[in-house]
N, C-alpha and C. Protein backbone atom coordinates (compact mmCIF):
# COMPACT_ATOMS: atom_id res chain seq x y z
N MET A 1 0.83 -1.19 0.00
CA MET A 1 0.00 0.00 0.00
C MET A 1 0.87 1.26 0.00
N PHE A 2 1.94 1.23 0.81
CA PHE A 2 2.82 2.40 0.90
C PHE A 2 3.51 2.65 -0.43
N VAL A 3 3.94 1.57 -1.09
CA VAL A 3 4.62 1.73 -2.38
C VAL A 3 3.67 2.33 -3.41
N LEU A 4 2.42 1.90 -3.39
CA LEU A 4 1.44 2.45 -4.32
C LEU A 4 1.22 3.95 -4.06
N MET A 5 1.11 4.34 -2.79
CA MET A 5 0.93 5.75 -2.46
C MET A 5 2.14 6.57 -2.89
N LEU A 6 3.34 6.02 -2.67
CA LEU A 6 4.55 6.72 -3.07
C LEU A 6 4.61 6.89 -4.58
N LEU A 7 4.23 5.86 -5.32
CA LEU A 7 4.23 5.92 -6.77
C LEU A 7 3.23 6.95 -7.27
N LEU A 8 2.04 6.98 -6.69
CA LEU A 8 1.03 7.96 -7.10
C LEU A 8 1.47 9.39 -6.77
N TYR A 9 2.10 9.57 -5.61
CA TYR A 9 2.59 10.90 -5.22
C TYR A 9 3.66 11.38 -6.19
N ALA A 10 4.59 10.50 -6.52
CA ALA A 10 5.69 10.89 -7.42
C ALA A 10 5.16 11.21 -8.82
N SER A 11 4.25 10.40 -9.31
CA SER A 11 3.72 10.67 -10.65
C SER A 11 2.89 11.96 -10.65
N GLY A 12 2.17 12.24 -9.59
CA GLY A 12 1.43 13.49 -9.49
C GLY A 12 2.34 14.70 -9.45
N ALA A 13 3.45 14.58 -8.72
CA ALA A 13 4.40 15.69 -8.65
C ALA A 13 5.01 15.97 -10.02
N VAL A 14 5.32 14.91 -10.77
CA VAL A 14 5.87 15.10 -12.11
C VAL A 14 4.86 15.83 -13.00
N LEU A 15 3.61 15.41 -12.93
CA LEU A 15 2.59 16.06 -13.76
C LEU A 15 2.40 17.52 -13.39
N VAL A 16 2.45 17.84 -12.11
CA VAL A 16 2.31 19.24 -11.68
C VAL A 16 3.48 20.08 -12.17
N PHE A 17 4.70 19.56 -12.06
CA PHE A 17 5.86 20.32 -12.52
C PHE A 17 5.84 20.52 -14.02
N ILE A 18 5.36 19.51 -14.76
CA ILE A 18 5.25 19.67 -16.21
C ILE A 18 4.23 20.75 -16.54
N ASP A 19 3.12 20.77 -15.81
CA ASP A 19 2.12 21.81 -16.05
C ASP A 19 2.67 23.20 -15.76
N PHE A 20 3.41 23.34 -14.66
CA PHE A 20 4.00 24.65 -14.34
C PHE A 20 4.98 25.08 -15.42
N LEU A 21 5.79 24.16 -15.89
CA LEU A 21 6.76 24.50 -16.93
C LEU A 21 6.05 24.91 -18.21
N ALA A 22 5.01 24.17 -18.59
CA ALA A 22 4.27 24.50 -19.81
C ALA A 22 3.60 25.87 -19.68
N LEU A 23 3.04 26.16 -18.51
CA LEU A 23 2.40 27.45 -18.31
C LEU A 23 3.42 28.59 -18.40
N ARG A 24 4.57 28.41 -17.76
CA ARG A 24 5.60 29.46 -17.83
C ARG A 24 6.06 29.68 -19.26
N GLN A 25 6.22 28.60 -20.02
CA GLN A 25 6.66 28.75 -21.41
C GLN A 25 5.58 29.36 -22.28
N ALA A 26 4.32 29.13 -21.94
CA ALA A 26 3.22 29.68 -22.74
C ALA A 26 3.09 31.19 -22.55
N VAL A 27 3.37 31.69 -21.35
CA VAL A 27 3.18 33.12 -21.10
C VAL A 27 4.45 33.94 -21.32
N THR A 28 5.58 33.28 -21.52
CA THR A 28 6.84 33.99 -21.71
C THR A 28 7.08 34.23 -23.19
N PRO A 29 7.45 35.44 -23.57
CA PRO A 29 7.78 35.70 -24.98
C PRO A 29 8.97 34.84 -25.44
N ALA A 30 8.98 34.49 -26.71
CA ALA A 30 9.99 33.58 -27.26
C ALA A 30 11.44 34.03 -27.01
N PRO A 31 11.75 35.33 -27.17
CA PRO A 31 13.15 35.72 -26.95
C PRO A 31 13.61 35.56 -25.49
N LEU A 32 12.67 35.48 -24.55
CA LEU A 32 13.05 35.39 -23.13
C LEU A 32 12.94 33.97 -22.56
N LEU A 33 12.64 32.98 -23.39
CA LEU A 33 12.43 31.62 -22.87
C LEU A 33 13.68 31.05 -22.20
N GLY A 34 14.83 31.26 -22.79
CA GLY A 34 16.07 30.74 -22.20
C GLY A 34 16.36 31.40 -20.86
N ARG A 35 16.16 32.70 -20.78
CA ARG A 35 16.40 33.40 -19.52
C ARG A 35 15.42 32.96 -18.44
N MET A 36 14.16 32.76 -18.85
CA MET A 36 13.15 32.32 -17.88
C MET A 36 13.49 30.94 -17.34
N THR A 37 13.89 30.05 -18.23
CA THR A 37 14.21 28.68 -17.81
C THR A 37 15.41 28.67 -16.87
N SER A 38 16.46 29.40 -17.22
CA SER A 38 17.65 29.40 -16.37
C SER A 38 17.38 30.11 -15.04
N THR A 39 16.58 31.17 -15.06
CA THR A 39 16.25 31.87 -13.82
C THR A 39 15.45 30.97 -12.89
N MET A 40 14.48 30.25 -13.45
CA MET A 40 13.67 29.37 -12.60
C MET A 40 14.51 28.22 -12.05
N ARG A 41 15.44 27.70 -12.83
CA ARG A 41 16.31 26.64 -12.31
C ARG A 41 17.15 27.15 -11.15
N TRP A 42 17.70 28.37 -11.30
CA TRP A 42 18.50 28.92 -10.22
C TRP A 42 17.66 29.21 -8.99
N LEU A 43 16.46 29.73 -9.19
CA LEU A 43 15.60 30.03 -8.04
C LEU A 43 15.19 28.76 -7.30
N ILE A 44 15.11 27.65 -8.01
CA ILE A 44 14.73 26.39 -7.36
C ILE A 44 15.95 25.70 -6.75
N LEU A 45 17.09 25.75 -7.44
CA LEU A 45 18.26 24.98 -7.00
C LEU A 45 19.11 25.69 -5.95
N ILE A 46 19.13 27.01 -5.94
CA ILE A 46 19.97 27.73 -4.97
C ILE A 46 19.55 27.43 -3.53
N PRO A 47 18.27 27.45 -3.18
CA PRO A 47 17.91 27.15 -1.79
C PRO A 47 18.03 25.66 -1.43
N ALA A 48 18.22 24.79 -2.42
CA ALA A 48 18.25 23.35 -2.14
C ALA A 48 19.43 22.97 -1.25
N GLY A 49 20.60 23.52 -1.51
CA GLY A 49 21.79 23.17 -0.71
C GLY A 49 21.66 23.60 0.74
N PRO A 50 21.43 24.88 1.01
CA PRO A 50 21.26 25.29 2.41
C PRO A 50 20.06 24.63 3.09
N GLY A 51 19.01 24.37 2.33
CA GLY A 51 17.84 23.69 2.90
C GLY A 51 18.17 22.28 3.33
N ALA A 52 18.95 21.57 2.51
CA ALA A 52 19.35 20.21 2.86
C ALA A 52 20.25 20.22 4.09
N LEU A 53 21.16 21.18 4.16
CA LEU A 53 22.04 21.26 5.34
C LEU A 53 21.24 21.58 6.60
N ARG A 54 20.28 22.47 6.47
CA ARG A 54 19.45 22.82 7.63
C ARG A 54 18.60 21.64 8.08
N ALA A 55 18.05 20.92 7.13
CA ALA A 55 17.25 19.74 7.49
C ALA A 55 18.10 18.68 8.15
N ALA A 56 19.32 18.47 7.65
CA ALA A 56 20.21 17.49 8.26
C ALA A 56 20.60 17.92 9.68
N GLY A 57 20.86 19.20 9.86
CA GLY A 57 21.18 19.69 11.19
C GLY A 57 20.01 19.56 12.14
N SER A 58 18.83 19.84 11.65
CA SER A 58 17.64 19.71 12.48
C SER A 58 17.40 18.26 12.86
N ALA A 59 17.57 17.36 11.91
CA ALA A 59 17.39 15.93 12.21
C ALA A 59 18.43 15.46 13.22
N SER A 60 19.65 15.96 13.08
CA SER A 60 20.71 15.58 14.01
C SER A 60 20.40 16.09 15.41
N MET A 61 19.92 17.32 15.49
CA MET A 61 19.60 17.89 16.79
C MET A 61 18.45 17.15 17.45
N SER A 62 17.44 16.77 16.65
CA SER A 62 16.31 16.08 17.26
C SER A 62 16.72 14.68 17.70
N ALA A 63 17.66 14.04 16.99
CA ALA A 63 18.14 12.73 17.42
C ALA A 63 18.90 12.87 18.74
N ARG A 64 19.71 13.93 18.85
CA ARG A 64 20.43 14.16 20.10
C ARG A 64 19.46 14.44 21.25
N ALA A 65 18.42 15.21 20.94
CA ALA A 65 17.44 15.54 21.98
C ALA A 65 16.71 14.29 22.45
N ARG A 66 16.35 13.41 21.51
CA ARG A 66 15.69 12.16 21.91
C ARG A 66 16.61 11.31 22.76
N ARG A 67 17.87 11.24 22.36
CA ARG A 67 18.83 10.44 23.11
C ARG A 67 19.02 11.01 24.52
N SER A 68 19.14 12.33 24.62
CA SER A 68 19.35 12.93 25.94
C SER A 68 18.12 12.78 26.82
N ARG A 69 16.92 12.87 26.23
CA ARG A 69 15.71 12.67 27.03
C ARG A 69 15.61 11.23 27.53
N SER A 70 15.96 10.27 26.67
CA SER A 70 15.88 8.89 27.12
C SER A 70 16.94 8.59 28.19
N LEU A 71 18.11 9.21 28.05
CA LEU A 71 19.13 9.02 29.09
C LEU A 71 18.71 9.67 30.40
N ALA A 72 18.09 10.84 30.32
CA ALA A 72 17.62 11.50 31.53
C ALA A 72 16.53 10.67 32.20
N ALA A 73 15.64 10.09 31.41
CA ALA A 73 14.60 9.25 31.98
C ALA A 73 15.19 8.00 32.61
N ALA A 74 16.21 7.45 31.97
CA ALA A 74 16.86 6.25 32.53
C ALA A 74 17.56 6.59 33.84
N ARG A 75 18.22 7.75 33.91
CA ARG A 75 18.89 8.14 35.16
C ARG A 75 17.88 8.38 36.27
N CYS A 76 16.74 8.97 35.89
CA CYS A 76 15.72 9.29 36.88
C CYS A 76 15.10 8.00 37.45
N CYS A 77 14.88 7.04 36.59
CA CYS A 77 14.18 5.83 37.03
C CYS A 77 15.12 4.73 37.52
N TRP A 78 16.41 4.86 37.30
CA TRP A 78 17.34 3.79 37.64
C TRP A 78 17.34 3.41 39.11
N PRO A 79 17.42 4.35 40.05
CA PRO A 79 17.46 3.93 41.46
C PRO A 79 16.17 3.22 41.89
N ARG A 80 15.03 3.67 41.43
CA ARG A 80 13.77 3.04 41.80
C ARG A 80 13.67 1.64 41.20
N TRP A 81 14.09 1.51 39.95
CA TRP A 81 14.01 0.22 39.27
C TRP A 81 14.95 -0.79 39.93
N ARG A 82 16.14 -0.32 40.30
CA ARG A 82 17.12 -1.20 40.90
C ARG A 82 16.61 -1.69 42.28
N GLY A 83 15.93 -0.81 42.98
CA GLY A 83 15.42 -1.19 44.28
C GLY A 83 14.30 -2.23 44.19
N ARG A 84 13.52 -2.20 43.16
CA ARG A 84 12.42 -3.16 43.02
C ARG A 84 12.93 -4.55 42.64
N CYS A 85 14.04 -4.60 41.97
CA CYS A 85 14.53 -5.90 41.52
C CYS A 85 15.18 -6.71 42.63
N ARG A 86 15.53 -6.12 43.74
CA ARG A 86 16.20 -6.86 44.82
C ARG A 86 15.27 -7.67 45.62
């Protein structure tokens, strides 16, 4: 089921991007088509690098936060748990 949903999502995204590209090319005058295409590529690709780095940093921080919370919970509960096992 998940694979089917992923396939449908990916194919829908491709169709949407093709529609956006066709619309931009339809409304842009012929002499400016190359500039429009290169400008849109730069506007889409320039934020991709910093966005990926920020997402990786955020994921790393949340993993550290989960680890520290679980360690804090283990430290908090350790003396009580050890006492019950005796």
